[in-house]
Amino acid sequence: YWTQRPFASLELSLFKWLILTSDYEFNWYRNRDGSLSSTYDLWNAELYLRKPDSPWELKLTALNLLNTPSIRQDGFSDVLISTSEYFIQQRYWLCSLKYEF
């Protein structure tokens, strides 16, 4: 199999109290003759809000922003050829509030 897996990560401090992080991953593989191929991509992001000298932190998280439904993986050996498919949870959002004593 031939695999390409480019990715990008970003951490951006917009103010002293606001940080945006994001990561993207693209996966593409195919067999030698090109008759079998599969692609999928994943993108996640987080936004942190915490003012200096404040015990409070707010975090907004978005997972699977591209709403990728599944990941397929193929494998082979001398005696076995296999295909597996993993289903991914749909796009979802989380909101976290944290207080440090």
PDB file of N, CA and C in Angstrom:
ATOM      1  N   TYR A   1       0.829  -1.195   0.000  1.00  0.00           N
ATOM      2  CA  TYR A   1       0.000   0.000   0.000  1.00  0.00           C
ATOM      3  C   TYR A   1       0.866   1.249   0.000  1.00  0.00           C
ATOM      4  N   TRP A   2       0.351   2.295  -0.601  1.00  0.00           N
ATOM      5  CA  TRP A   2       1.006   3.595  -0.657  1.00  0.00           C
ATOM      6  C   TRP A   2       0.118   4.570   0.113  1.00  0.00           C
ATOM      7  N   THR A   3       0.692   5.276   1.069  1.00  0.00           N
ATOM      8  CA  THR A   3      -0.094   6.137   1.953  1.00  0.00           C
ATOM      9  C   THR A   3       0.434   7.568   1.928  1.00  0.00           C
ATOM     10  N   GLN A   4      -0.484   8.528   1.883  1.00  0.00           N
ATOM     11  CA  GLN A   4      -0.160   9.939   2.081  1.00  0.00           C
ATOM     12  C   GLN A   4      -0.960  10.411   3.284  1.00  0.00           C
ATOM     13  N   ARG A   5      -0.294  11.143   4.176  1.00  0.00           N
ATOM     14  CA  ARG A   5      -0.948  11.581   5.402  1.00  0.00           C
ATOM     15  C   ARG A   5      -0.506  12.994   5.784  1.00  0.00           C
ATOM     16  N   PRO A   6      -0.847  14.004   4.980  1.00  0.00           N
ATOM     17  CA  PRO A   6      -0.500  15.372   5.365  1.00  0.00           C
ATOM     18  C   PRO A   6      -1.367  15.846   6.538  1.00  0.00           C
ATOM     19  N   PHE A   7      -0.819  16.738   7.353  1.00  0.00           N
ATOM     20  CA  PHE A   7      -1.565  17.255   8.497  1.00  0.00           C
ATOM     21  C   PHE A   7      -1.125  18.690   8.759  1.00  0.00           C
ATOM     22  N   ALA A   8      -1.929  19.399   9.524  1.00  0.00           N
ATOM     23  CA  ALA A   8      -1.603  20.765   9.926  1.00  0.00           C
ATOM     24  C   ALA A   8      -2.109  20.983  11.348  1.00  0.00           C
ATOM     25  N   SER A   9      -1.312  21.699  12.122  1.00  0.00           N
ATOM     26  CA  SER A   9      -1.705  22.078  13.485  1.00  0.00           C
ATOM     27  C   SER A   9      -1.522  23.577  13.640  1.00  0.00           C
ATOM     28  N   LEU A  10      -2.396  24.184  14.401  1.00  0.00           N
ATOM     29  CA  LEU A  10      -2.359  25.632  14.597  1.00  0.00           C
ATOM     30  C   LEU A  10      -2.615  25.938  16.064  1.00  0.00           C
ATOM     31  N   GLU A  11      -1.808  26.822  16.621  1.00  0.00           N
ATOM     32  CA  GLU A  11      -2.078  27.370  17.952  1.00  0.00           C
ATOM     33  C   GLU A  11      -1.890  28.871  17.837  1.00  0.00           C
ATOM     34  N   LEU A  12      -2.973  29.596  18.012  1.00  0.00           N
ATOM     35  CA  LEU A  12      -2.982  31.032  17.786  1.00  0.00           C
ATOM     36  C   LEU A  12      -3.440  31.743  19.052  1.00  0.00           C
ATOM     37  N   SER A  13      -2.590  32.614  19.563  1.00  0.00           N
ATOM     38  CA  SER A  13      -2.937  33.407  20.735  1.00  0.00           C
ATOM     39  C   SER A  13      -3.473  34.758  20.247  1.00  0.00           C
ATOM     40  N   LEU A  14      -4.784  34.923  20.320  1.00  0.00           N
ATOM     41  CA  LEU A  14      -5.408  36.134  19.796  1.00  0.00           C
ATOM     42  C   LEU A  14      -5.245  37.315  20.752  1.00  0.00           C
ATOM     43  N   PHE A  15      -5.355  37.065  22.012  1.00  0.00           N
ATOM     44  CA  PHE A  15      -5.090  38.027  23.073  1.00  0.00           C
ATOM     45  C   PHE A  15      -4.379  37.250  24.162  1.00  0.00           C
ATOM     46  N   LYS A  16      -4.038  37.889  25.271  1.00  0.00           N
ATOM     47  CA  LYS A  16      -3.415  37.147  26.370  1.00  0.00           C
ATOM     48  C   LYS A  16      -4.390  36.148  26.992  1.00  0.00           C
ATOM     49  N   TRP A  17      -5.660  36.335  26.744  1.00  0.00           N
ATOM     50  CA  TRP A  17      -6.671  35.513  27.400  1.00  0.00           C
ATOM     51  C   TRP A  17      -7.493  34.649  26.441  1.00  0.00           C
ATOM     52  N   LEU A  18      -7.142  34.637  25.143  1.00  0.00           N
ATOM     53  CA  LEU A  18      -7.916  33.885  24.162  1.00  0.00           C
ATOM     54  C   LEU A  18      -6.966  33.097  23.249  1.00  0.00           C
ATOM     55  N   ILE A  19      -7.101  31.771  23.266  1.00  0.00           N
ATOM     56  CA  ILE A  19      -6.216  30.902  22.475  1.00  0.00           C
ATOM     57  C   ILE A  19      -7.072  29.978  21.614  1.00  0.00           C
ATOM     58  N   LEU A  20      -6.726  29.893  20.335  1.00  0.00           N
ATOM     59  CA  LEU A  20      -7.394  29.001  19.397  1.00  0.00           C
ATOM     60  C   LEU A  20      -6.413  27.921  18.965  1.00  0.00           C
ATOM     61  N   THR A  21      -6.810  26.664  19.096  1.00  0.00           N
ATOM     62  CA  THR A  21      -5.994  25.558  18.599  1.00  0.00           C
ATOM     63  C   THR A  21      -6.837  24.757  17.605  1.00  0.00           C
ATOM     64  N   SER A  22      -6.167  24.219  16.602  1.00  0.00           N
ATOM     65  CA  SER A  22      -6.860  23.461  15.582  1.00  0.00           C
ATOM     66  C   SER A  22      -5.907  22.441  14.985  1.00  0.00           C
ATOM     67  N   ASP A  23      -6.434  21.278  14.604  1.00  0.00           N
ATOM     68  CA  ASP A  23      -5.610  20.293  13.908  1.00  0.00           C
ATOM     69  C   ASP A  23      -6.437  19.635  12.813  1.00  0.00           C
ATOM     70  N   TYR A  24      -5.776  19.409  11.682  1.00  0.00           N
ATOM     71  CA  TYR A  24      -6.401  18.805  10.514  1.00  0.00           C
ATOM     72  C   TYR A  24      -5.509  17.665  10.032  1.00  0.00           C
ATOM     73  N   GLU A  25      -6.133  16.564   9.637  1.00  0.00           N
ATOM     74  CA  GLU A  25      -5.389  15.401   9.151  1.00  0.00           C
ATOM     75  C   GLU A  25      -6.128  14.815   7.957  1.00  0.00           C
ATOM     76  N   PHE A  26      -5.406  14.629   6.853  1.00  0.00           N
ATOM     77  CA  PHE A  26      -5.963  14.007   5.658  1.00  0.00           C
ATOM     78  C   PHE A  26      -5.242  12.687   5.424  1.00  0.00           C
ATOM     79  N   ASN A  27      -5.974  11.627   5.163  1.00  0.00           N
ATOM     80  CA  ASN A  27      -5.396  10.310   4.929  1.00  0.00           C
ATOM     81  C   ASN A  27      -5.863   9.774   3.589  1.00  0.00           C
ATOM     82  N   TRP A  28      -4.900   9.313   2.791  1.00  0.00           N
ATOM     83  CA  TRP A  28      -5.209   8.709   1.508  1.00  0.00           C
ATOM     84  C   TRP A  28      -4.274   7.536   1.298  1.00  0.00           C
ATOM     85  N   TYR A  29      -4.820   6.384   1.022  1.00  0.00           N
ATOM     86  CA  TYR A  29      -3.961   5.243   0.702  1.00  0.00           C
ATOM     87  C   TYR A  29      -4.542   4.492  -0.481  1.00  0.00           C
ATOM     88  N   ARG A  30      -3.667   3.782  -1.180  1.00  0.00           N
ATOM     89  CA  ARG A  30      -4.078   2.962  -2.318  1.00  0.00           C
ATOM     90  C   ARG A  30      -3.107   1.809  -2.460  1.00  0.00           C
ATOM     91  N   ASN A  31      -3.562   0.763  -3.147  1.00  0.00           N
ATOM     92  CA  ASN A  31      -2.658  -0.355  -3.378  1.00  0.00           C
ATOM     93  C   ASN A  31      -1.767  -0.055  -4.586  1.00  0.00           C
ATOM     94  N   ARG A  32      -0.844  -0.927  -4.894  1.00  0.00           N
ATOM     95  CA  ARG A  32       0.163  -0.653  -5.921  1.00  0.00           C
ATOM     96  C   ARG A  32      -0.421  -0.388  -7.299  1.00  0.00           C
ATOM     97  N   ASP A  33      -1.449  -1.125  -7.684  1.00  0.00           N
ATOM     98  CA  ASP A  33      -2.000  -0.917  -9.023  1.00  0.00           C
ATOM     99  C   ASP A  33      -3.108   0.136  -9.060  1.00  0.00           C
ATOM    100  N   GLY A  34      -3.441   0.721  -7.913  1.00  0.00           N
ATOM    101  CA  GLY A  34      -4.429   1.797  -7.847  1.00  0.00           C
ATOM    102  C   GLY A  34      -5.873   1.330  -7.898  1.00  0.00           C
ATOM    103  N   SER A  35      -6.111   0.034  -7.846  1.00  0.00           N
ATOM    104  CA  SER A  35      -7.482  -0.473  -7.937  1.00  0.00           C
ATOM    105  C   SER A  35      -8.247  -0.326  -6.623  1.00  0.00           C
ATOM    106  N   LEU A  36      -7.538  -0.134  -5.520  1.00  0.00           N
ATOM    107  CA  LEU A  36      -8.172  -0.004  -4.212  1.00  0.00           C
ATOM    108  C   LEU A  36      -7.612   1.234  -3.535  1.00  0.00           C
ATOM    109  N   SER A  37      -8.498   2.160  -3.163  1.00  0.00           N
ATOM    110  CA  SER A  37      -8.030   3.356  -2.462  1.00  0.00           C
ATOM    111  C   SER A  37      -9.098   3.813  -1.472  1.00  0.00           C
ATOM    112  N   SER A  38      -8.671   4.613  -0.513  1.00  0.00           N
ATOM    113  CA  SER A  38      -9.577   5.128   0.508  1.00  0.00           C
ATOM    114  C   SER A  38      -9.054   6.468   1.003  1.00  0.00           C
ATOM    115  N   THR A  39      -9.945   7.388   1.294  1.00  0.00           N
ATOM    116  CA  THR A  39      -9.564   8.687   1.849  1.00  0.00           C
ATOM    117  C   THR A  39     -10.494   9.026   3.012  1.00  0.00           C
ATOM    118  N   TYR A  40      -9.964   9.776   3.941  1.00  0.00           N
ATOM    119  CA  TYR A  40     -10.772  10.386   4.993  1.00  0.00           C
ATOM    120  C   TYR A  40      -9.985  11.546   5.567  1.00  0.00           C
ATOM    121  N   ASP A  41     -10.686  12.502   6.157  1.00  0.00           N
ATOM    122  CA  ASP A  41     -10.026  13.617   6.811  1.00  0.00           C
ATOM    123  C   ASP A  41     -10.759  13.964   8.100  1.00  0.00           C
ATOM    124  N   LEU A  42      -9.994  14.477   9.048  1.00  0.00           N
ATOM    125  CA  LEU A  42     -10.514  14.838  10.367  1.00  0.00           C
ATOM    126  C   LEU A  42     -10.049  16.242  10.716  1.00  0.00           C
ATOM    127  N   TRP A  43     -10.933  17.033  11.325  1.00  0.00           N
ATOM    128  CA  TRP A  43     -10.593  18.383  11.737  1.00  0.00           C
ATOM    129  C   TRP A  43     -11.225  18.645  13.103  1.00  0.00           C
ATOM    130  N   ASN A  44     -10.396  19.068  14.073  1.00  0.00           N
ATOM    131  CA  ASN A  44     -10.837  19.393  15.427  1.00  0.00           C
ATOM    132  C   ASN A  44     -10.352  20.793  15.783  1.00  0.00           C
ATOM    133  N   ALA A  45     -11.070  21.470  16.676  1.00  0.00           N
ATOM    134  CA  ALA A  45     -10.667  22.812  17.093  1.00  0.00           C
ATOM    135  C   ALA A  45     -11.081  23.054  18.549  1.00  0.00           C
ATOM    136  N   GLU A  46     -10.313  23.920  19.234  1.00  0.00           N
ATOM    137  CA  GLU A  46     -10.621  24.310  20.614  1.00  0.00           C
ATOM    138  C   GLU A  46     -10.380  25.804  20.784  1.00  0.00           C
ATOM    139  N   LEU A  47     -11.206  26.420  21.590  1.00  0.00           N
ATOM    140  CA  LEU A  47     -11.068  27.833  21.911  1.00  0.00           C
ATOM    141  C   LEU A  47     -11.030  27.956  23.435  1.00  0.00           C
ATOM    142  N   TYR A  48      -9.914  28.497  23.967  1.00  0.00           N
ATOM    143  CA  TYR A  48      -9.738  28.676  25.405  1.00  0.00           C
ATOM    144  C   TYR A  48      -9.903  30.148  25.747  1.00  0.00           C
ATOM    145  N   LEU A  49     -10.659  30.434  26.787  1.00  0.00           N
ATOM    146  CA  LEU A  49     -10.818  31.803  27.282  1.00  0.00           C
ATOM    147  C   LEU A  49     -10.454  31.809  28.758  1.00  0.00           C
ATOM    148  N   ARG A  50      -9.405  32.555  29.091  1.00  0.00           N
ATOM    149  CA  ARG A  50      -9.006  32.689  30.489  1.00  0.00           C
ATOM    150  C   ARG A  50      -8.296  34.016  30.673  1.00  0.00           C
ATOM    151  N   LYS A  51      -8.927  34.897  31.423  1.00  0.00           N
ATOM    152  CA  LYS A  51      -8.333  36.212  31.693  1.00  0.00           C
ATOM    153  C   LYS A  51      -7.207  36.064  32.705  1.00  0.00           C
ATOM    154  N   PRO A  52      -6.173  36.898  32.594  1.00  0.00           N
ATOM    155  CA  PRO A  52      -5.080  36.835  33.576  1.00  0.00           C
ATOM    156  C   PRO A  52      -5.614  37.055  34.998  1.00  0.00           C
ATOM    157  N   ASP A  53      -5.050  36.334  35.932  1.00  0.00           N
ATOM    158  CA  ASP A  53      -5.410  36.420  37.352  1.00  0.00           C
ATOM    159  C   ASP A  53      -6.840  35.976  37.647  1.00  0.00           C
ATOM    160  N   SER A  54      -7.469  35.279  36.720  1.00  0.00           N
ATOM    161  CA  SER A  54      -8.814  34.770  36.958  1.00  0.00           C
ATOM    162  C   SER A  54      -8.737  33.267  37.219  1.00  0.00           C
ATOM    163  N   PRO A  55      -9.490  32.786  38.207  1.00  0.00           N
ATOM    164  CA  PRO A  55      -9.492  31.342  38.458  1.00  0.00           C
ATOM    165  C   PRO A  55     -10.392  30.578  37.468  1.00  0.00           C
ATOM    166  N   TRP A  56     -11.154  31.288  36.659  1.00  0.00           N
ATOM    167  CA  TRP A  56     -12.091  30.668  35.731  1.00  0.00           C
ATOM    168  C   TRP A  56     -11.477  30.466  34.344  1.00  0.00           C
ATOM    169  N   GLU A  57     -11.820  29.335  33.735  1.00  0.00           N
ATOM    170  CA  GLU A  57     -11.420  29.064  32.356  1.00  0.00           C
ATOM    171  C   GLU A  57     -12.606  28.467  31.620  1.00  0.00           C
ATOM    172  N   LEU A  58     -12.842  28.942  30.413  1.00  0.00           N
ATOM    173  CA  LEU A  58     -13.904  28.418  29.562  1.00  0.00           C
ATOM    174  C   LEU A  58     -13.248  27.808  28.325  1.00  0.00           C
ATOM    175  N   LYS A  59     -13.666  26.610  27.966  1.00  0.00           N
ATOM    176  CA  LYS A  59     -13.113  25.947  26.790  1.00  0.00           C
ATOM    177  C   LYS A  59     -14.255  25.445  25.923  1.00  0.00           C
ATOM    178  N   LEU A  60     -14.235  25.830  24.645  1.00  0.00           N
ATOM    179  CA  LEU A  60     -15.195  25.343  23.666  1.00  0.00           C
ATOM    180  C   LEU A  60     -14.454  24.406  22.724  1.00  0.00           C
ATOM    181  N   THR A  61     -14.954  23.199  22.560  1.00  0.00           N
ATOM    182  CA  THR A  61     -14.302  22.182  21.746  1.00  0.00           C
ATOM    183  C   THR A  61     -15.253  21.708  20.661  1.00  0.00           C
ATOM    184  N   ALA A  62     -14.737  21.606  19.445  1.00  0.00           N
ATOM    185  CA  ALA A  62     -15.504  21.060  18.321  1.00  0.00           C
ATOM    186  C   ALA A  62     -14.717  19.881  17.757  1.00  0.00           C
ATOM    187  N   LEU A  63     -15.336  18.717  17.710  1.00  0.00           N
ATOM    188  CA  LEU A  63     -14.673  17.509  17.230  1.00  0.00           C
ATOM    189  C   LEU A  63     -15.364  16.997  15.971  1.00  0.00           C
ATOM    190  N   ASN A  64     -14.570  16.484  15.048  1.00  0.00           N
ATOM    191  CA  ASN A  64     -15.045  15.979  13.760  1.00  0.00           C
ATOM    192  C   ASN A  64     -15.857  17.046  13.018  1.00  0.00           C
ATOM    193  N   LEU A  65     -15.264  18.214  12.848  1.00  0.00           N
ATOM    194  CA  LEU A  65     -15.954  19.330  12.195  1.00  0.00           C
ATOM    195  C   LEU A  65     -16.386  19.021  10.768  1.00  0.00           C
ATOM    196  N   LEU A  66     -15.693  18.140  10.080  1.00  0.00           N
ATOM    197  CA  LEU A  66     -16.047  17.789   8.704  1.00  0.00           C
ATOM    198  C   LEU A  66     -17.091  16.674   8.641  1.00  0.00           C
ATOM    199  N   ASN A  67     -17.484  16.187   9.811  1.00  0.00           N
ATOM    200  CA  ASN A  67     -18.519  15.151   9.929  1.00  0.00           C
ATOM    201  C   ASN A  67     -18.159  13.892   9.134  1.00  0.00           C
ATOM    202  N   THR A  68     -16.930  13.438   9.261  1.00  0.00           N
ATOM    203  CA  THR A  68     -16.468  12.211   8.610  1.00  0.00           C
ATOM    204  C   THR A  68     -17.225  11.029   9.208  1.00  0.00           C
ATOM    205  N   PRO A  69     -17.892  10.218   8.372  1.00  0.00           N
ATOM    206  CA  PRO A  69     -18.719   9.141   8.925  1.00  0.00           C
ATOM    207  C   PRO A  69     -17.939   7.905   9.358  1.00  0.00           C
ATOM    208  N   SER A  70     -16.841   7.568   8.640  1.00  0.00           N
ATOM    209  CA  SER A  70     -16.138   6.334   8.966  1.00  0.00           C
ATOM    210  C   SER A  70     -14.723   6.348   8.400  1.00  0.00           C
ATOM    211  N   ILE A  71     -13.926   5.397   8.885  1.00  0.00           N
ATOM    212  CA  ILE A  71     -12.561   5.174   8.411  1.00  0.00           C
ATOM    213  C   ILE A  71     -12.476   3.725   7.953  1.00  0.00           C
ATOM    214  N   ARG A  72     -12.007   3.529   6.727  1.00  0.00           N
ATOM    215  CA  ARG A  72     -11.844   2.170   6.215  1.00  0.00           C
ATOM    216  C   ARG A  72     -10.361   1.835   6.151  1.00  0.00           C
ATOM    217  N   GLN A  73     -10.015   0.628   6.592  1.00  0.00           N
ATOM    218  CA  GLN A  73      -8.634   0.160   6.544  1.00  0.00           C
ATOM    219  C   GLN A  73      -8.605  -1.203   5.872  1.00  0.00           C
ATOM    220  N   ASP A  74      -7.646  -1.396   4.989  1.00  0.00           N
ATOM    221  CA  ASP A  74      -7.477  -2.663   4.284  1.00  0.00           C
ATOM    222  C   ASP A  74      -6.115  -3.235   4.619  1.00  0.00           C
ATOM    223  N   GLY A  75      -6.015  -4.543   4.626  1.00  0.00           N
ATOM    224  CA  GLY A  75      -4.747  -5.201   4.900  1.00  0.00           C
ATOM    225  C   GLY A  75      -4.670  -6.526   4.169  1.00  0.00           C
ATOM    226  N   PHE A  76      -3.464  -6.981   3.985  1.00  0.00           N
ATOM    227  CA  PHE A  76      -3.294  -8.274   3.335  1.00  0.00           C
ATOM    228  C   PHE A  76      -2.005  -8.924   3.806  1.00  0.00           C
ATOM    229  N   SER A  77      -1.985 -10.243   3.707  1.00  0.00           N
ATOM    230  CA  SER A  77      -0.788 -11.034   3.990  1.00  0.00           C
ATOM    231  C   SER A  77      -0.815 -12.228   3.035  1.00  0.00           C
ATOM    232  N   ASP A  78       0.039 -13.185   3.250  1.00  0.00           N
ATOM    233  CA  ASP A  78       0.083 -14.360   2.373  1.00  0.00           C
ATOM    234  C   ASP A  78      -1.183 -15.205   2.465  1.00  0.00           C
ATOM    235  N   VAL A  79      -1.848 -15.170   3.610  1.00  0.00           N
ATOM    236  CA  VAL A  79      -3.013 -16.035   3.804  1.00  0.00           C
ATOM    237  C   VAL A  79      -4.315 -15.284   4.072  1.00  0.00           C
ATOM    238  N   LEU A  80      -4.267 -13.963   4.224  1.00  0.00           N
ATOM    239  CA  LEU A  80      -5.468 -13.241   4.635  1.00  0.00           C
ATOM    240  C   LEU A  80      -5.554 -11.887   3.937  1.00  0.00           C
ATOM    241  N   ILE A  81      -6.732 -11.555   3.470  1.00  0.00           N
ATOM    242  CA  ILE A  81      -7.046 -10.215   2.963  1.00  0.00           C
ATOM    243  C   ILE A  81      -8.193  -9.707   3.823  1.00  0.00           C
ATOM    244  N   SER A  82      -8.049  -8.502   4.383  1.00  0.00           N
ATOM    245  CA  SER A  82      -9.083  -8.010   5.287  1.00  0.00           C
ATOM    246  C   SER A  82      -9.427  -6.551   4.995  1.00  0.00           C
ATOM    247  N   THR A  83     -10.664  -6.214   5.307  1.00  0.00           N
ATOM    248  CA  THR A  83     -11.143  -4.839   5.228  1.00  0.00           C
ATOM    249  C   THR A  83     -11.909  -4.557   6.512  1.00  0.00           C
ATOM    250  N   SER A  84     -11.566  -3.454   7.169  1.00  0.00           N
ATOM    251  CA  SER A  84     -12.250  -3.054   8.396  1.00  0.00           C
ATOM    252  C   SER A  84     -12.775  -1.642   8.226  1.00  0.00           C
ATOM    253  N   GLU A  85     -13.931  -1.372   8.811  1.00  0.00           N
ATOM    254  CA  GLU A  85     -14.485  -0.026   8.774  1.00  0.00           C
ATOM    255  C   GLU A  85     -14.838   0.387  10.204  1.00  0.00           C
ATOM    256  N   TYR A  86     -14.324   1.543  10.610  1.00  0.00           N
ATOM    257  CA  TYR A  86     -14.592   2.086  11.943  1.00  0.00           C
ATOM    258  C   TYR A  86     -15.515   3.283  11.788  1.00  0.00           C
ATOM    259  N   PHE A  87     -16.616   3.272  12.498  1.00  0.00           N
ATOM    260  CA  PHE A  87     -17.546   4.392  12.447  1.00  0.00           C
ATOM    261  C   PHE A  87     -17.149   5.424  13.493  1.00  0.00           C
ATOM    262  N   ILE A  88     -17.181   6.672  13.101  1.00  0.00           N
ATOM    263  CA  ILE A  88     -16.749   7.785  13.953  1.00  0.00           C
ATOM    264  C   ILE A  88     -17.983   8.526  14.450  1.00  0.00           C
ATOM    265  N   GLN A  89     -17.922   8.971  15.691  1.00  0.00           N
ATOM    266  CA  GLN A  89     -19.027   9.747  16.235  1.00  0.00           C
ATOM    267  C   GLN A  89     -19.215  11.007  15.405  1.00  0.00           C
ATOM    268  N   GLN A  90     -20.466  11.366  15.166  1.00  0.00           N
ATOM    269  CA  GLN A  90     -20.771  12.547  14.375  1.00  0.00           C
ATOM    270  C   GLN A  90     -20.199  13.795  15.026  1.00  0.00           C
ATOM    271  N   ARG A  91     -20.173  14.875  14.251  1.00  0.00           N
ATOM    272  CA  ARG A  91     -19.686  16.164  14.753  1.00  0.00           C
ATOM    273  C   ARG A  91     -20.372  16.488  16.079  1.00  0.00           C
ATOM    274  N   TYR A  92     -19.562  16.899  17.036  1.00  0.00           N
ATOM    275  CA  TYR A  92     -20.155  17.310  18.307  1.00  0.00           C
ATOM    276  C   TYR A  92     -19.336  18.417  18.953  1.00  0.00           C
ATOM    277  N   TRP A  93     -19.999  19.133  19.821  1.00  0.00           N
ATOM    278  CA  TRP A  93     -19.443  20.304  20.493  1.00  0.00           C
ATOM    279  C   TRP A  93     -19.452  20.062  21.999  1.00  0.00           C
ATOM    280  N   LEU A  94     -18.412  20.545  22.674  1.00  0.00           N
ATOM    281  CA  LEU A  94     -18.339  20.463  24.121  1.00  0.00           C
ATOM    282  C   LEU A  94     -18.048  21.852  24.681  1.00  0.00           C
ATOM    283  N   CYS A  95     -18.621  22.116  25.825  1.00  0.00           N
ATOM    284  CA  CYS A  95     -18.336  23.358  26.532  1.00  0.00           C
ATOM    285  C   CYS A  95     -17.897  22.976  27.940  1.00  0.00           C
ATOM    286  N   SER A  96     -16.699  23.424  28.334  1.00  0.00           N
ATOM    287  CA  SER A  96     -16.155  23.091  29.643  1.00  0.00           C
ATOM    288  C   SER A  96     -15.891  24.365  30.438  1.00  0.00           C
ATOM    289  N   LEU A  97     -16.248  24.333  31.683  1.00  0.00           N
ATOM    290  CA  LEU A  97     -15.993  25.445  32.587  1.00  0.00           C
ATOM    291  C   LEU A  97     -15.136  24.905  33.734  1.00  0.00           C
ATOM    292  N   LYS A  98     -14.034  25.597  34.011  1.00  0.00           N
ATOM    293  CA  LYS A  98     -13.093  25.136  35.028  1.00  0.00           C
ATOM    294  C   LYS A  98     -12.799  26.257  36.014  1.00  0.00           C
ATOM    295  N   TYR A  99     -12.715  25.887  37.276  1.00  0.00           N
ATOM    296  CA  TYR A  99     -12.366  26.825  38.344  1.00  0.00           C
ATOM    297  C   TYR A  99     -11.209  26.249  39.128  1.00  0.00           C
ATOM    298  N   GLU A 100     -10.140  27.028  39.290  1.00  0.00           N
ATOM    299  CA  GLU A 100      -8.981  26.600  40.073  1.00  0.00           C
ATOM    300  C   GLU A 100      -9.007  27.273  41.435  1.00  0.00           C
ATOM    301  N   PHE A 101      -8.914  26.468  42.481  1.00  0.00           N
ATOM    302  CA  PHE A 101      -8.926  26.995  43.858  1.00  0.00           C
ATOM    303  C   PHE A 101      -7.588  27.558  44.222  1.00  0.00           C
TER     304      PHE A 101
END
